Amino acid sequence: MTWNSKILFRCASAAGAMLLVLLATQAISAQSRDGAAGFVERLDKLEKSVGERQRHTAELREELEAMTRALRREATSLETANRARLRVKRKVAEQLVAWERADRELRRAARYLPPGDAADTQVLLARAEPEALRGRMDDIGVLQTIETDVRRTRDRVADRAGLVVQIAQSAGDTEAAEATREKVVEEARRPQNQKQVDEELERADEALENSLGMLLKNETQRDFHRLKGTLLPPVANGPTFGYGPRKQKGSMSYVRHTGLTWKIRSNTPVKTVASGVVVFAGRFEGFGKMIIVDHGQDYHSLYAHLGSLDVEVGKSIGRGTVLGKSGESGSFEGPKLYFELRKDGKPFDPSPWFIQR
């Protein structure tokens, strides 16, 4: 693939991924009986809000650190400048006082001179004044420069104080949004809401299945089916929940489970099971932050509920490449990794495809 072809592929892949999210959002924006947004939609919006506020706070903190470094660099020179300012100010003041005293004495003496001599003395005084001050003009210029630097530093200190306030406000907004998210998750876990949540997640799954065809394909000629039994697991430990229906906690009912789930700590590196091309990297309602890798011949691997994404759409990756870190985005169960293998958009049991240890 040429360089231009790669650029076009990545642009088209990104556009397809954005369209997939848009259509899926429209398809699964589940509405409850009273017209309010469903749990999946509310959780997705809250997590987006938290992410935006966290990015804003991080940008403010970077600006604050840069300003603090600049102020530290100026601190030593400003202290020296302040000492110089006091010396210059004192010298200029002394010169002005001395000139005013001499001016008064000369003018007083001119009163007793003959008329012609008095006029000549006035002319000499008018010429002598700027000559006397000229020797201090450089000092006055230095003084003005120092005063400007002092004012600029004071302005920066004020701006820094303003940034501190903005950071505190942004952090407070983030905490409030996170608290609201926890309330939504707690509400979704209540037994009386389980059925609605399950229905919303099923719609999310259907939307994903119907949307995979919109992504560009990896045109590799490799026979992915021949890799059965050789895939690397995305994380080190065995899955918490295997493929097939899952029994709900505290209930006798089961929910659809068409992949593998690992209950793991956040920030655990998640690796691709085989080489391929990243065709989706972003948020998807019901799956949180998710990455989809196209392995060719309509085989896809899916990694959901991530905390961070470390690859971009259109990137060719090798087996075992770190895709991102685990998290709990879009999850009602806390930190976890959800993984699927799909063929022609439909999930199948991935367990036999992994290296057996």
Protein backbone atom coordinates (compact mmCIF):
# COMPACT_ATOMS: atom_id res chain seq x y z
CA MET A 1 0.00 0.00 0.00
CA THR A 2 1.47 3.38 -1.05
CA TRP A 3 1.77 6.32 1.33
CA ASN A 4 -1.14 8.14 -0.35
CA SER A 5 -3.23 4.97 -0.23
CA LYS A 6 -2.55 4.65 3.49
CA ILE A 7 -3.66 8.24 4.10
CA LEU A 8 -6.86 7.72 2.10
CA PHE A 9 -7.52 4.44 3.92
CA ARG A 10 -7.13 6.05 7.33
CA CYS A 11 -9.35 9.00 6.42
CA ALA A 12 -12.04 6.70 5.01
CA SER A 13 -11.76 4.38 8.02
CA ALA A 14 -12.14 7.30 10.43
CA ALA A 15 -15.17 8.58 8.51
CA GLY A 16 -16.72 5.10 8.55
CA ALA A 17 -16.11 4.78 12.27
CA MET A 18 -17.74 8.15 12.95
CA LEU A 19 -20.75 7.15 10.84
CA LEU A 20 -20.96 3.86 12.74
CA VAL A 21 -21.13 5.68 16.08
CA LEU A 22 -23.72 8.15 14.78
CA LEU A 23 -26.04 5.49 13.43
CA ALA A 24 -25.57 3.27 16.46
CA THR A 25 -26.35 6.15 18.82
CA GLN A 26 -29.55 6.83 16.93
CA ALA A 27 -30.43 3.12 16.96
CA ILE A 28 -29.91 2.43 20.66
CA SER A 29 -30.86 5.70 22.36
CA ALA A 30 -33.32 3.68 24.37
CA GLN A 31 -36.26 5.56 25.85
CA SER A 32 -38.06 4.54 29.02
CA ARG A 33 -41.82 4.77 29.41
CA ASP A 34 -41.75 8.35 30.68
CA GLY A 35 -39.61 9.50 27.74
CA ALA A 36 -36.36 9.81 29.72
CA ALA A 37 -33.06 8.58 28.28
CA GLY A 38 -32.16 4.96 29.00
CA PHE A 39 -29.38 3.88 31.34
CA VAL A 40 -26.93 3.09 28.54
CA GLU A 41 -27.42 6.48 26.91
CA ARG A 42 -27.21 8.36 30.22
CA LEU A 43 -24.03 6.52 31.18
CA ASP A 44 -22.45 7.26 27.81
CA LYS A 45 -23.28 10.99 28.01
CA LEU A 46 -21.99 11.27 31.57
CA GLU A 47 -18.72 9.55 30.69
CA LYS A 48 -18.27 11.85 27.71
CA SER A 49 -18.84 14.82 30.01
CA VAL A 50 -16.34 13.49 32.55
CA GLY A 51 -13.77 12.92 29.78
CA GLU A 52 -14.20 16.44 28.40
CA ARG A 53 -13.88 17.99 31.87
CA GLN A 54 -10.79 15.90 32.62
CA ARG A 55 -9.17 17.04 29.37
CA HIS A 56 -10.05 20.66 30.17
CA THR A 57 -8.58 20.34 33.67
CA ALA A 58 -5.42 18.75 32.25
CA GLU A 59 -5.02 21.62 29.76
CA LEU A 60 -5.41 24.15 32.57
CA ARG A 61 -2.84 22.31 34.68
CA GLU A 62 -0.35 22.33 31.79
CA GLU A 63 -0.90 26.07 31.37
CA LEU A 64 -0.42 26.57 35.11
CA GLU A 65 2.82 24.58 35.12
CA ALA A 66 4.17 26.59 32.17
CA MET A 67 3.28 29.85 33.90
CA THR A 68 4.82 28.68 37.17
CA ARG A 69 8.07 27.78 35.39
CA ALA A 70 8.15 31.20 33.74
CA LEU A 71 7.60 32.95 37.07
CA ARG A 72 10.37 30.91 38.67
CA ARG A 73 12.77 31.92 35.91
CA GLU A 74 11.85 35.56 36.43
CA ALA A 75 12.02 35.44 40.22
CA THR A 76 15.81 35.84 40.54
CA SER A 77 16.08 38.52 37.88
CA LEU A 78 13.07 40.33 39.31
CA GLU A 79 14.61 40.39 42.77
CA THR A 80 17.80 41.85 41.30
CA ALA A 81 15.74 44.31 39.27
CA ASN A 82 13.85 45.42 42.36
CA ARG A 83 17.11 46.18 44.16
CA ALA A 84 18.36 48.06 41.10
CA ARG A 85 15.08 49.93 40.88
CA LEU A 86 15.44 51.17 44.44
CA ARG A 87 19.01 52.36 43.82
CA VAL A 88 18.12 54.10 40.57
CA LYS A 89 15.01 55.61 42.10
CA ARG A 90 17.06 57.00 44.99
CA LYS A 91 19.72 58.48 42.68
CA VAL A 92 17.14 60.12 40.41
CA ALA A 93 15.28 61.49 43.42
CA GLU A 94 18.53 62.88 44.87
CA GLN A 95 19.38 64.49 41.52
CA LEU A 96 15.96 66.13 41.26
CA VAL A 97 16.09 67.40 44.83
CA ALA A 98 19.57 68.84 44.23
CA TRP A 99 18.47 70.49 40.99
CA GLU A 100 15.36 72.00 42.56
CA ARG A 101 17.47 73.40 45.41
CA ALA A 102 20.02 74.87 42.99
CA ASP A 103 17.24 76.23 40.79
CA ARG A 104 15.62 78.04 43.70
CA GLU A 105 18.92 79.52 44.85
CA LEU A 106 19.86 80.73 41.37
CA ARG A 107 16.46 82.27 40.80
CA ARG A 108 16.65 83.97 44.17
CA ALA A 109 20.14 85.33 43.35
CA ALA A 110 18.91 86.53 39.92
CA ARG A 111 16.60 89.00 41.63
CA TYR A 112 19.58 91.07 42.81
CA LEU A 113 21.41 91.13 39.48
CA PRO A 114 21.22 94.03 37.01
CA PRO A 115 18.36 93.65 34.46
CA GLY A 116 20.59 92.40 31.61
CA ASP A 117 22.50 89.97 33.75
CA ALA A 118 19.25 88.67 35.24
CA ALA A 119 17.88 87.88 31.76
CA ASP A 120 21.08 86.07 30.84
CA THR A 121 20.85 84.06 34.03
CA GLN A 122 17.28 82.98 33.18
CA VAL A 123 18.45 81.74 29.78
CA LEU A 124 21.32 79.83 31.37
CA LEU A 125 18.94 78.25 33.83
CA ALA A 126 16.57 77.13 31.05
CA ARG A 127 19.47 75.50 29.22
CA ALA A 128 21.09 74.07 32.29
CA GLU A 129 17.98 72.16 33.46
CA PRO A 130 17.84 69.58 30.63
CA GLU A 131 21.64 69.36 30.64
CA ALA A 132 21.59 68.52 34.30
CA LEU A 133 18.87 65.85 33.81
CA ARG A 134 20.46 64.33 30.73
CA GLY A 135 22.94 62.53 32.91
CA ARG A 136 20.05 60.74 34.57
CA MET A 137 18.00 59.92 31.48
CA ASP A 138 19.55 56.47 31.17
CA ASP A 139 18.70 55.84 34.79
CA ILE A 140 15.12 56.97 34.19
CA GLY A 141 14.86 54.63 31.17
CA VAL A 142 16.14 51.70 33.25
CA LEU A 143 13.63 52.60 35.94
CA GLN A 144 10.76 52.61 33.45
CA THR A 145 11.85 49.22 32.05
CA ILE A 146 12.02 47.73 35.53
CA GLU A 147 8.59 49.12 36.39
CA THR A 148 7.18 47.52 33.23
CA ASP A 149 8.71 44.15 34.14
CA VAL A 150 7.33 44.40 37.66
CA ARG A 151 3.83 45.17 36.36
CA ARG A 152 4.02 42.27 33.87
CA THR A 153 5.09 39.88 36.62
CA ARG A 154 2.27 41.08 38.86
CA ASP A 155 -0.16 40.47 35.99
CA ARG A 156 1.20 36.94 35.54
CA VAL A 157 0.85 36.25 39.25
CA ALA A 158 -2.77 37.43 39.03
CA ASP A 159 -3.36 35.24 35.94
CA ARG A 160 -1.85 32.28 37.77
CA ALA A 161 -4.18 32.82 40.70
CA GLY A 162 -7.09 32.89 38.24
CA LEU A 163 -5.93 29.59 36.72
CA VAL A 164 -5.82 27.97 40.16
CA VAL A 165 -9.45 28.99 40.67
CA GLN A 166 -10.45 27.63 37.24
CA ILE A 167 -8.72 24.32 37.96
CA ALA A 168 -10.54 23.99 41.27
CA GLN A 169 -13.87 24.71 39.57
CA SER A 170 -13.17 22.25 36.74
CA ALA A 171 -12.07 19.55 39.18
CA GLY A 172 -15.23 20.14 41.20
CA ASP A 173 -17.38 19.81 38.08
CA THR A 174 -15.58 16.56 37.20
CA GLU A 175 -16.19 15.13 40.67
CA ALA A 176 -19.87 16.08 40.44
CA ALA A 177 -20.20 14.37 37.03
CA GLU A 178 -18.41 11.26 38.34
CA ALA A 179 -20.74 11.17 41.35
CA THR A 180 -23.74 11.39 39.02
CA ARG A 181 -22.29 8.53 36.96
CA GLU A 182 -22.03 6.37 40.07
CA LYS A 183 -25.68 7.11 40.89
CA VAL A 184 -26.75 6.03 37.39
CA VAL A 185 -24.74 2.79 37.72
CA GLU A 186 -26.22 2.14 41.17
CA GLU A 187 -29.71 2.75 39.81
CA ALA A 188 -29.10 0.44 36.85
CA ARG A 189 -28.03 -2.37 39.18
CA ARG A 190 -31.33 -2.41 41.04
CA PRO A 191 -33.29 -5.63 40.39
CA GLN A 192 -36.34 -3.75 39.08
CA ASN A 193 -34.18 -2.11 36.37
CA GLN A 194 -32.25 -5.19 35.21
CA LYS A 195 -34.69 -6.05 32.46
CA GLN A 196 -34.51 -2.56 30.95
CA VAL A 197 -30.70 -2.53 31.10
CA ASP A 198 -30.52 -5.97 29.45
CA GLU A 199 -32.83 -4.83 26.66
CA GLU A 200 -30.72 -1.72 26.07
CA LEU A 201 -27.50 -3.75 25.94
CA GLU A 202 -29.10 -6.18 23.48
CA ARG A 203 -30.03 -3.24 21.25
CA ALA A 204 -26.45 -2.02 21.52
CA ASP A 205 -25.21 -5.44 20.41
CA GLU A 206 -27.63 -5.50 17.47
CA ALA A 207 -26.57 -1.99 16.46
CA LEU A 208 -22.92 -3.06 16.49
CA GLU A 209 -23.64 -6.17 14.43
CA ASN A 210 -25.58 -4.14 11.86
CA SER A 211 -22.92 -1.45 11.73
CA LEU A 212 -19.73 -3.48 11.22
CA GLY A 213 -20.35 -3.61 7.48
CA MET A 214 -19.88 0.17 7.28
CA LEU A 215 -16.21 -0.09 8.20
CA LEU A 216 -13.54 -0.47 5.54
CA LYS A 217 -12.11 -3.94 5.19
CA ASN A 218 -8.65 -5.32 5.66
CA GLU A 219 -7.94 -6.75 2.21
CA THR A 220 -5.28 -9.18 3.36
CA GLN A 221 -5.22 -12.56 1.62
CA ARG A 222 -4.14 -14.38 4.78
CA ASP A 223 -6.45 -17.21 5.84
CA PHE A 224 -7.34 -16.13 9.38
CA HIS A 225 -9.17 -19.40 10.05
CA ARG A 226 -5.85 -21.22 9.92
CA LEU A 227 -4.79 -19.29 13.05
CA LYS A 228 -7.32 -21.17 15.17
CA GLY A 229 -5.60 -22.40 18.31
CA THR A 230 -2.72 -19.91 18.01
CA LEU A 231 -4.23 -16.59 19.14
CA LEU A 232 -2.77 -14.78 22.14
CA PRO A 233 -5.25 -13.83 24.90
CA PRO A 234 -5.73 -10.06 25.26
CA VAL A 235 -4.68 -10.20 28.94
CA ALA A 236 -2.64 -12.70 30.94
CA ASN A 237 -5.23 -14.30 33.21
CA GLY A 238 -8.10 -16.58 32.23
CA PRO A 239 -11.56 -15.01 31.67
CA THR A 240 -13.94 -14.52 34.58
CA PHE A 241 -16.95 -15.35 32.42
CA GLY A 242 -16.84 -17.61 29.41
CA TYR A 243 -18.85 -17.56 26.22
CA GLY A 244 -22.58 -18.14 26.62
CA PRO A 245 -25.49 -16.85 28.74
CA ARG A 246 -24.52 -15.33 32.08
CA LYS A 247 -26.55 -15.77 35.22
CA GLN A 248 -27.40 -12.42 36.78
CA LYS A 249 -26.07 -11.81 40.26
CA GLY A 250 -28.83 -12.14 42.84
CA SER A 251 -31.32 -13.41 40.25
CA MET A 252 -32.40 -16.62 38.56
CA SER A 253 -32.44 -15.03 35.09
CA TYR A 254 -29.70 -15.14 32.46
CA VAL A 255 -28.38 -12.48 30.09
CA ARG A 256 -26.90 -12.80 26.61
CA HIS A 257 -23.10 -13.07 26.69
CA THR A 258 -21.47 -13.56 23.30
CA GLY A 259 -17.86 -13.08 24.26
CA LEU A 260 -15.39 -13.38 27.13
CA THR A 261 -15.24 -11.10 30.17
CA TRP A 262 -12.24 -10.48 32.37
CA LYS A 263 -12.81 -8.72 35.72
CA ILE A 264 -9.43 -7.01 35.99
CA ARG A 265 -7.94 -3.87 37.48
CA SER A 266 -8.06 -0.64 35.54
CA ASN A 267 -4.93 0.31 33.54
CA THR A 268 -4.08 -3.30 32.68
CA PRO A 269 -2.48 -3.40 29.18
CA VAL A 270 -4.80 -4.97 26.59
CA LYS A 271 -3.14 -6.61 23.57
CA THR A 272 -4.42 -7.62 20.17
CA VAL A 273 -4.87 -11.36 19.68
CA ALA A 274 -3.48 -11.32 16.12
CA SER A 275 -2.19 -8.89 13.51
CA GLY A 276 -4.66 -6.76 11.59
CA VAL A 277 -5.86 -3.22 10.94
CA VAL A 278 -7.60 -0.97 13.48
CA VAL A 279 -10.95 -0.05 11.93
CA PHE A 280 -12.61 1.47 14.99
CA ALA A 281 -11.22 3.25 18.07
CA GLY A 282 -13.67 5.33 20.06
CA ARG A 283 -16.80 5.33 22.18
CA PHE A 284 -19.79 3.14 21.39
CA GLU A 285 -22.94 3.14 23.50
CA GLY A 286 -23.17 -0.06 25.52
CA PHE A 287 -19.47 -0.89 25.01
CA GLY A 288 -17.74 2.25 26.30
CA LYS A 289 -14.32 2.95 24.81
CA MET A 290 -13.81 0.20 22.26
CA ILE A 291 -11.32 -0.96 19.64
CA ILE A 292 -12.17 -3.19 16.67
CA VAL A 293 -9.42 -4.90 14.68
CA ASP A 294 -10.10 -6.30 11.21
CA HIS A 295 -8.06 -9.49 10.63
CA GLY A 296 -9.26 -10.02 7.08
CA GLN A 297 -11.92 -12.25 5.48
CA ASP A 298 -14.60 -10.54 7.62
CA TYR A 299 -13.04 -11.63 10.93
CA HIS A 300 -13.00 -8.98 13.65
CA SER A 301 -11.80 -8.90 17.24
CA LEU A 302 -13.46 -6.47 19.64
CA TYR A 303 -12.08 -5.02 22.91
CA ALA A 304 -14.60 -3.07 25.01
CA HIS A 305 -14.90 -1.03 28.24
CA LEU A 306 -11.33 0.25 27.91
CA GLY A 307 -10.00 3.11 30.00
CA SER A 308 -7.68 4.48 27.32
CA LEU A 309 -7.02 3.95 23.60
CA ASP A 310 -3.41 3.82 22.40
CA VAL A 311 -3.94 3.17 18.67
CA GLU A 312 -5.63 5.09 15.87
CA VAL A 313 -8.03 4.05 13.12
CA GLY A 314 -6.21 2.86 10.02
CA LYS A 315 -3.11 1.64 11.84
CA SER A 316 -1.70 -1.77 10.90
CA ILE A 317 -0.70 -3.62 14.06
CA GLY A 318 1.13 -6.84 14.83
CA ARG A 319 0.20 -9.67 17.12
CA GLY A 320 0.50 -8.70 20.80
CA THR A 321 0.41 -4.94 20.16
CA VAL A 322 -0.89 -2.97 23.16
CA LEU A 323 -4.19 -1.42 22.07
CA GLY A 324 -4.89 0.47 25.28
CA LYS A 325 -5.52 0.06 28.99
CA SER A 326 -8.47 -1.60 30.68
CA GLY A 327 -11.08 0.45 32.49
CA GLU A 328 -14.81 0.64 33.21
CA SER A 329 -16.14 2.90 30.46
CA GLY A 330 -19.72 1.96 29.60
CA SER A 331 -19.71 -0.71 32.30
CA PHE A 332 -22.33 -1.24 35.00
CA GLU A 333 -20.10 -3.82 36.72
CA GLY A 334 -16.93 -1.90 37.46
CA PRO A 335 -13.54 -2.39 35.76
CA LYS A 336 -13.51 -5.19 33.19
CA LEU A 337 -12.50 -6.18 29.67
CA TYR A 338 -15.08 -7.57 27.27
CA PHE A 339 -13.72 -9.41 24.21
CA GLU A 340 -15.38 -10.88 21.14
CA LEU A 341 -14.44 -12.56 17.90
CA ARG A 342 -16.88 -12.00 15.04
CA LYS A 343 -17.27 -13.47 11.57
CA ASP A 344 -19.46 -11.56 9.10
CA GLY A 345 -20.58 -9.38 12.01
CA LYS A 346 -21.79 -12.28 14.17
CA PRO A 347 -20.02 -13.30 17.40
CA PHE A 348 -18.83 -16.86 17.99
CA ASP A 349 -17.08 -18.68 20.83
CA PRO A 350 -13.43 -17.50 20.81
CA SER A 351 -12.21 -19.96 23.46
CA PRO A 352 -10.92 -22.67 21.03
CA TRP A 353 -8.98 -20.06 19.09
CA PHE A 354 -6.52 -19.27 21.87
CA ILE A 355 -3.25 -21.06 22.58
CA GLN A 356 -4.03 -23.76 25.11
CA ARG A 357 -1.67 -23.65 28.08
